[in-house]
Amino acid sequence: MNKLKYNKRAFGIVIFGLVCLGVSAGIFFAVDFDSLATTDNAPIGFLYCFLAVIFVAGLLLTTFRSGSIIDKQHNQLIDWWGFIVPIKTDIHRLSDYKCMQIVYERQFKSDSTTHSSKPTYVNRIYLCNDQQRVSITYYHKLKKAQLVSKKISDYLKIRKIEYIDTTVNNPKNLKEAFQYLSDVLKNDV
């Protein structure tokens, strides 16, 4: 096993993109545009623009990709993003990173029904050194983030795993994280 690969994209976004593509294609093929063009009050231009916007949004949501590749053989951490194929890559030397962090942070997710945003919480995994940190991936469940961080730390032989809770008012996850870290430290000694 020379490489570990992680994607930074939620499966729900792909499903939503596929729904946008399906709805726009379905409307385009179901509506008889010739009969609409002959009536005086039909907003045919608006319908075309609406379908185009929905189709492009669906296309972007289904084709956008981002992720990280940890290549121990070449001593590289490759952070990339793109559409179908990587467009931009950042390459970091693995030997520069001596610790890992699991950061519990709040992100805002927009709610289309109430036109507001509500917080959602993720556990983001970083490789870090004194000057910077690089995001590897994220998970909504702490247990999954802990398992993945343990796998990466074993692979890279990193002994220092830190847990940072950026939301002050969530003692349950903080208690679980400290218990996990104390268990890891007991097993490593």
C-alpha atoms as a PDB file:
ATOM      1  CA  MET A   1       0.000   0.000   0.000  1.00  0.00           C
ATOM      2  CA  ASN A   2       1.915   3.014  -1.273  1.00  0.00           C
ATOM      3  CA  LYS A   3      -0.905   5.573  -1.386  1.00  0.00           C
ATOM      4  CA  LEU A   4      -3.892   6.596   0.694  1.00  0.00           C
ATOM      5  CA  LYS A   5      -6.608   8.512  -1.184  1.00  0.00           C
ATOM      6  CA  TYR A   6      -9.368  10.610   0.354  1.00  0.00           C
ATOM      7  CA  ASN A   7     -12.106  12.629  -1.329  1.00  0.00           C
ATOM      8  CA  LYS A   8     -13.455  15.815   0.206  1.00  0.00           C
ATOM      9  CA  ARG A   9     -16.942  15.716  -1.184  1.00  0.00           C
ATOM     10  CA  ALA A  10     -20.253  14.647   0.245  1.00  0.00           C
ATOM     11  CA  PHE A  11     -22.254  12.019  -1.599  1.00  0.00           C
ATOM     12  CA  GLY A  12     -25.427  14.082  -1.148  1.00  0.00           C
ATOM     13  CA  ILE A  13     -24.030  16.842  -3.348  1.00  0.00           C
ATOM     14  CA  VAL A  14     -23.587  14.390  -6.223  1.00  0.00           C
ATOM     15  CA  ILE A  15     -27.152  13.127  -5.774  1.00  0.00           C
ATOM     16  CA  PHE A  16     -28.486  16.694  -5.768  1.00  0.00           C
ATOM     17  CA  GLY A  17     -26.508  17.406  -8.961  1.00  0.00           C
ATOM     18  CA  LEU A  18     -27.963  14.323 -10.618  1.00  0.00           C
ATOM     19  CA  VAL A  19     -31.464  15.445  -9.619  1.00  0.00           C
ATOM     20  CA  CYS A  20     -30.809  18.879 -11.189  1.00  0.00           C
ATOM     21  CA  LEU A  21     -29.596  17.234 -14.389  1.00  0.00           C
ATOM     22  CA  GLY A  22     -32.579  14.884 -14.478  1.00  0.00           C
ATOM     23  CA  VAL A  23     -35.148  17.605 -13.824  1.00  0.00           C
ATOM     24  CA  SER A  24     -33.734  19.955 -16.448  1.00  0.00           C
ATOM     25  CA  ALA A  25     -33.421  17.193 -19.059  1.00  0.00           C
ATOM     26  CA  GLY A  26     -36.895  15.871 -18.211  1.00  0.00           C
ATOM     27  CA  ILE A  27     -38.527  19.269 -18.603  1.00  0.00           C
ATOM     28  CA  PHE A  28     -36.599  19.951 -21.798  1.00  0.00           C
ATOM     29  CA  PHE A  29     -37.788  16.722 -23.436  1.00  0.00           C
ATOM     30  CA  ALA A  30     -41.317  16.745 -21.954  1.00  0.00           C
ATOM     31  CA  VAL A  31     -42.303  20.280 -22.969  1.00  0.00           C
ATOM     32  CA  ASP A  32     -43.356  20.936 -26.546  1.00  0.00           C
ATOM     33  CA  PHE A  33     -41.456  24.147 -27.220  1.00  0.00           C
ATOM     34  CA  ASP A  34     -42.930  24.589 -30.719  1.00  0.00           C
ATOM     35  CA  SER A  35     -46.453  24.975 -29.345  1.00  0.00           C
ATOM     36  CA  LEU A  36     -45.209  27.345 -26.627  1.00  0.00           C
ATOM     37  CA  ALA A  37     -43.430  29.525 -29.180  1.00  0.00           C
ATOM     38  CA  THR A  38     -46.674  30.118 -31.091  1.00  0.00           C
ATOM     39  CA  THR A  39     -48.591  31.455 -28.082  1.00  0.00           C
ATOM     40  CA  ASP A  40     -48.211  35.127 -27.208  1.00  0.00           C
ATOM     41  CA  ASN A  41     -48.087  34.862 -23.397  1.00  0.00           C
ATOM     42  CA  ALA A  42     -45.594  32.006 -23.012  1.00  0.00           C
ATOM     43  CA  PRO A  43     -42.293  33.052 -21.404  1.00  0.00           C
ATOM     44  CA  ILE A  44     -40.203  30.761 -23.626  1.00  0.00           C
ATOM     45  CA  GLY A  45     -36.970  32.719 -23.101  1.00  0.00           C
ATOM     46  CA  PHE A  46     -37.323  32.502 -19.331  1.00  0.00           C
ATOM     47  CA  LEU A  47     -37.926  28.748 -19.535  1.00  0.00           C
ATOM     48  CA  TYR A  48     -34.805  28.251 -21.654  1.00  0.00           C
ATOM     49  CA  CYS A  49     -32.691  30.297 -19.214  1.00  0.00           C
ATOM     50  CA  PHE A  50     -34.124  28.482 -16.200  1.00  0.00           C
ATOM     51  CA  LEU A  51     -33.388  25.072 -17.726  1.00  0.00           C
ATOM     52  CA  ALA A  52     -29.869  26.159 -18.671  1.00  0.00           C
ATOM     53  CA  VAL A  53     -29.110  27.376 -15.140  1.00  0.00           C
ATOM     54  CA  ILE A  54     -30.450  24.176 -13.549  1.00  0.00           C
ATOM     55  CA  PHE A  55     -28.526  22.037 -16.056  1.00  0.00           C
ATOM     56  CA  VAL A  56     -25.214  23.882 -15.505  1.00  0.00           C
ATOM     57  CA  ALA A  57     -25.654  23.731 -11.721  1.00  0.00           C
ATOM     58  CA  GLY A  58     -26.276  19.990 -11.918  1.00  0.00           C
ATOM     59  CA  LEU A  59     -23.284  19.523 -14.196  1.00  0.00           C
ATOM     60  CA  LEU A  60     -20.978  21.429 -11.851  1.00  0.00           C
ATOM     61  CA  LEU A  61     -22.250  19.604  -8.760  1.00  0.00           C
ATOM     62  CA  THR A  62     -21.748  16.172 -10.295  1.00  0.00           C
ATOM     63  CA  THR A  63     -18.348  16.796 -11.874  1.00  0.00           C
ATOM     64  CA  PHE A  64     -16.548  18.848  -9.186  1.00  0.00           C
ATOM     65  CA  ARG A  65     -13.943  16.777  -7.353  1.00  0.00           C
ATOM     66  CA  SER A  66     -11.398  17.455  -4.629  1.00  0.00           C
ATOM     67  CA  GLY A  67      -9.259  15.281  -2.451  1.00  0.00           C
ATOM     68  CA  SER A  68      -5.918  14.356  -0.977  1.00  0.00           C
ATOM     69  CA  ILE A  69      -3.424  11.651  -1.843  1.00  0.00           C
ATOM     70  CA  ILE A  70      -0.806  10.577   0.683  1.00  0.00           C
ATOM     71  CA  ASP A  71       2.108   9.006  -1.200  1.00  0.00           C
ATOM     72  CA  LYS A  72       4.624   7.641   1.268  1.00  0.00           C
ATOM     73  CA  GLN A  73       6.914   6.219  -1.429  1.00  0.00           C
ATOM     74  CA  HIS A  74       7.503   9.678  -2.980  1.00  0.00           C
ATOM     75  CA  ASN A  75       7.185  11.536   0.363  1.00  0.00           C
ATOM     76  CA  GLN A  76       4.291  13.638  -0.962  1.00  0.00           C
ATOM     77  CA  LEU A  77       0.940  14.909   0.148  1.00  0.00           C
ATOM     78  CA  ILE A  78      -1.006  15.946  -2.941  1.00  0.00           C
ATOM     79  CA  ASP A  79      -4.011  18.197  -2.330  1.00  0.00           C
ATOM     80  CA  TRP A  80      -6.080  18.637  -5.506  1.00  0.00           C
ATOM     81  CA  TRP A  81      -9.367  19.900  -6.952  1.00  0.00           C
ATOM     82  CA  GLY A  82     -10.922  19.960 -10.390  1.00  0.00           C
ATOM     83  CA  PHE A  83     -13.790  18.992 -12.658  1.00  0.00           C
ATOM     84  CA  ILE A  84     -13.666  15.285 -13.604  1.00  0.00           C
ATOM     85  CA  VAL A  85      -9.831  15.518 -13.732  1.00  0.00           C
ATOM     86  CA  PRO A  86      -7.561  17.476 -11.342  1.00  0.00           C
ATOM     87  CA  ILE A  87      -7.020  21.085 -12.458  1.00  0.00           C
ATOM     88  CA  LYS A  88      -5.008  22.442  -9.537  1.00  0.00           C
ATOM     89  CA  THR A  89      -2.687  20.464  -7.296  1.00  0.00           C
ATOM     90  CA  ASP A  90      -0.653  21.494  -4.288  1.00  0.00           C
ATOM     91  CA  ILE A  91       2.218  19.175  -3.425  1.00  0.00           C
ATOM     92  CA  HIS A  92       3.650  19.093   0.101  1.00  0.00           C
ATOM     93  CA  ARG A  93       6.524  17.046   1.508  1.00  0.00           C
ATOM     94  CA  LEU A  94       5.253  14.517   4.030  1.00  0.00           C
ATOM     95  CA  SER A  95       8.397  14.778   6.104  1.00  0.00           C
ATOM     96  CA  ASP A  96       7.443  18.385   6.965  1.00  0.00           C
ATOM     97  CA  TYR A  97       4.373  17.252   8.930  1.00  0.00           C
ATOM     98  CA  LYS A  98       4.855  15.777  12.393  1.00  0.00           C
ATOM     99  CA  CYS A  99       1.378  15.857  13.907  1.00  0.00           C
ATOM    100  CA  MET A 100      -2.275  15.333  13.071  1.00  0.00           C
ATOM    101  CA  GLN A 101      -5.272  17.293  14.223  1.00  0.00           C
ATOM    102  CA  ILE A 102      -8.927  16.411  14.335  1.00  0.00           C
ATOM    103  CA  VAL A 103     -10.735  19.749  14.362  1.00  0.00           C
ATOM    104  CA  TYR A 104     -14.402  19.754  15.305  1.00  0.00           C
ATOM    105  CA  GLU A 105     -15.798  22.802  13.550  1.00  0.00           C
ATOM    106  CA  ARG A 106     -19.058  24.366  12.550  1.00  0.00           C
ATOM    107  CA  GLN A 107     -19.991  24.928   8.927  1.00  0.00           C
ATOM    108  CA  PHE A 108     -23.150  26.583   7.705  1.00  0.00           C
ATOM    109  CA  LYS A 109     -25.523  24.743   5.418  1.00  0.00           C
ATOM    110  CA  SER A 110     -28.176  26.741   3.591  1.00  0.00           C
ATOM    111  CA  ASP A 111     -31.793  25.681   3.940  1.00  0.00           C
ATOM    112  CA  SER A 112     -33.756  26.394   0.772  1.00  0.00           C
ATOM    113  CA  THR A 113     -37.173  26.153   2.432  1.00  0.00           C
ATOM    114  CA  THR A 114     -36.571  28.832   5.088  1.00  0.00           C
ATOM    115  CA  HIS A 115     -33.920  30.790   3.137  1.00  0.00           C
ATOM    116  CA  SER A 116     -31.612  30.715   6.124  1.00  0.00           C
ATOM    117  CA  SER A 117     -28.491  28.846   7.048  1.00  0.00           C
ATOM    118  CA  LYS A 118     -28.191  26.345   9.859  1.00  0.00           C
ATOM    119  CA  PRO A 119     -24.983  25.051  11.372  1.00  0.00           C
ATOM    120  CA  THR A 120     -23.704  21.591  10.639  1.00  0.00           C
ATOM    121  CA  TYR A 121     -20.697  20.111  12.406  1.00  0.00           C
ATOM    122  CA  VAL A 122     -17.780  18.255  10.883  1.00  0.00           C
ATOM    123  CA  ASN A 123     -14.595  16.644  12.135  1.00  0.00           C
ATOM    124  CA  ARG A 124     -11.865  17.744   9.743  1.00  0.00           C
ATOM    125  CA  ILE A 125      -8.554  15.859   9.690  1.00  0.00           C
ATOM    126  CA  TYR A 126      -5.370  17.886   9.160  1.00  0.00           C
ATOM    127  CA  LEU A 127      -1.670  17.146   8.870  1.00  0.00           C
ATOM    128  CA  CYS A 128       0.191  19.963  10.589  1.00  0.00           C
ATOM    129  CA  ASN A 129       3.550  21.447  11.421  1.00  0.00           C
ATOM    130  CA  ASP A 130       4.591  24.697  13.101  1.00  0.00           C
ATOM    131  CA  GLN A 131       3.712  26.955  10.161  1.00  0.00           C
ATOM    132  CA  GLN A 132       0.688  25.411   8.468  1.00  0.00           C
ATOM    133  CA  ARG A 133      -1.827  22.636   8.323  1.00  0.00           C
ATOM    134  CA  VAL A 134      -3.277  20.833   5.319  1.00  0.00           C
ATOM    135  CA  SER A 135      -6.780  19.386   5.291  1.00  0.00           C
ATOM    136  CA  ILE A 136      -6.928  15.703   4.353  1.00  0.00           C
ATOM    137  CA  THR A 137     -10.655  14.963   4.605  1.00  0.00           C
ATOM    138  CA  TYR A 138     -13.644  15.413   6.910  1.00  0.00           C
ATOM    139  CA  TYR A 139     -16.406  13.314   8.434  1.00  0.00           C
ATOM    140  CA  HIS A 140     -19.600  14.198  10.238  1.00  0.00           C
ATOM    141  CA  LYS A 141     -19.166  11.390  12.772  1.00  0.00           C
ATOM    142  CA  LEU A 142     -16.329  11.594  15.280  1.00  0.00           C
ATOM    143  CA  LYS A 143     -15.788   7.819  15.371  1.00  0.00           C
ATOM    144  CA  LYS A 144     -15.178   7.700  11.601  1.00  0.00           C
ATOM    145  CA  ALA A 145     -12.744  10.640  11.819  1.00  0.00           C
ATOM    146  CA  GLN A 146     -10.917   8.892  14.660  1.00  0.00           C
ATOM    147  CA  LEU A 147     -10.603   5.645  12.713  1.00  0.00           C
ATOM    148  CA  VAL A 148      -9.306   7.409   9.607  1.00  0.00           C
ATOM    149  CA  SER A 149      -6.867   9.558  11.593  1.00  0.00           C
ATOM    150  CA  LYS A 150      -5.560   6.437  13.337  1.00  0.00           C
ATOM    151  CA  LYS A 151      -5.078   4.736   9.959  1.00  0.00           C
ATOM    152  CA  ILE A 152      -3.198   7.752   8.575  1.00  0.00           C
ATOM    153  CA  SER A 153      -1.074   8.160  11.709  1.00  0.00           C
ATOM    154  CA  ASP A 154      -0.135   4.473  11.643  1.00  0.00           C
ATOM    155  CA  TYR A 155       0.691   4.709   7.936  1.00  0.00           C
ATOM    156  CA  LEU A 156       2.883   7.798   8.414  1.00  0.00           C
ATOM    157  CA  LYS A 157       4.117   6.792  11.878  1.00  0.00           C
ATOM    158  CA  ILE A 158       2.877  10.028  13.430  1.00  0.00           C
ATOM    159  CA  ARG A 159       2.540   9.730  17.197  1.00  0.00           C
ATOM    160  CA  LYS A 160       0.984  13.098  17.983  1.00  0.00           C
ATOM    161  CA  ILE A 161      -2.771  13.412  17.385  1.00  0.00           C
ATOM    162  CA  GLU A 162      -4.491  16.530  18.725  1.00  0.00           C
ATOM    163  CA  TYR A 163      -8.208  17.147  19.058  1.00  0.00           C
ATOM    164  CA  ILE A 164      -9.411  20.730  18.802  1.00  0.00           C
ATOM    165  CA  ASP A 165     -13.028  21.661  19.448  1.00  0.00           C
ATOM    166  CA  THR A 166     -13.821  25.039  17.898  1.00  0.00           C
ATOM    167  CA  THR A 167     -17.361  24.907  19.260  1.00  0.00           C
ATOM    168  CA  VAL A 168     -17.134  25.678  22.952  1.00  0.00           C
ATOM    169  CA  ASN A 169     -20.592  24.406  23.833  1.00  0.00           C
ATOM    170  CA  ASN A 170     -20.291  20.730  22.844  1.00  0.00           C
ATOM    171  CA  PRO A 171     -18.809  18.881  25.837  1.00  0.00           C
ATOM    172  CA  LYS A 172     -20.062  15.452  24.693  1.00  0.00           C
ATOM    173  CA  ASN A 173     -17.790  15.303  21.638  1.00  0.00           C
ATOM    174  CA  LEU A 174     -14.889  16.791  23.580  1.00  0.00           C
ATOM    175  CA  LYS A 175     -15.207  14.104  26.258  1.00  0.00           C
ATOM    176  CA  GLU A 176     -15.315  11.360  23.598  1.00  0.00           C
ATOM    177  CA  ALA A 177     -12.270  12.826  21.870  1.00  0.00           C
ATOM    178  CA  PHE A 178     -10.198  12.996  25.058  1.00  0.00           C
ATOM    179  CA  GLN A 179     -11.169   9.424  25.905  1.00  0.00           C
ATOM    180  CA  TYR A 180     -10.093   8.307  22.425  1.00  0.00           C
ATOM    181  CA  LEU A 181      -6.778  10.175  22.640  1.00  0.00           C
ATOM    182  CA  SER A 182      -6.016   8.730  26.073  1.00  0.00           C
ATOM    183  CA  ASP A 183      -6.743   5.230  24.729  1.00  0.00           C
ATOM    184  CA  VAL A 184      -4.436   5.819  21.738  1.00  0.00           C
ATOM    185  CA  LEU A 185      -1.656   7.072  23.971  1.00  0.00           C
ATOM    186  CA  LYS A 186      -2.016   4.075  26.306  1.00  0.00           C
ATOM    187  CA  ASN A 187      -1.778   1.679  23.348  1.00  0.00           C
ATOM    188  CA  ASP A 188       1.269   3.436  21.853  1.00  0.00           C
ATOM    189  CA  VAL A 189       3.321   3.388  25.052  1.00  0.00           C
END
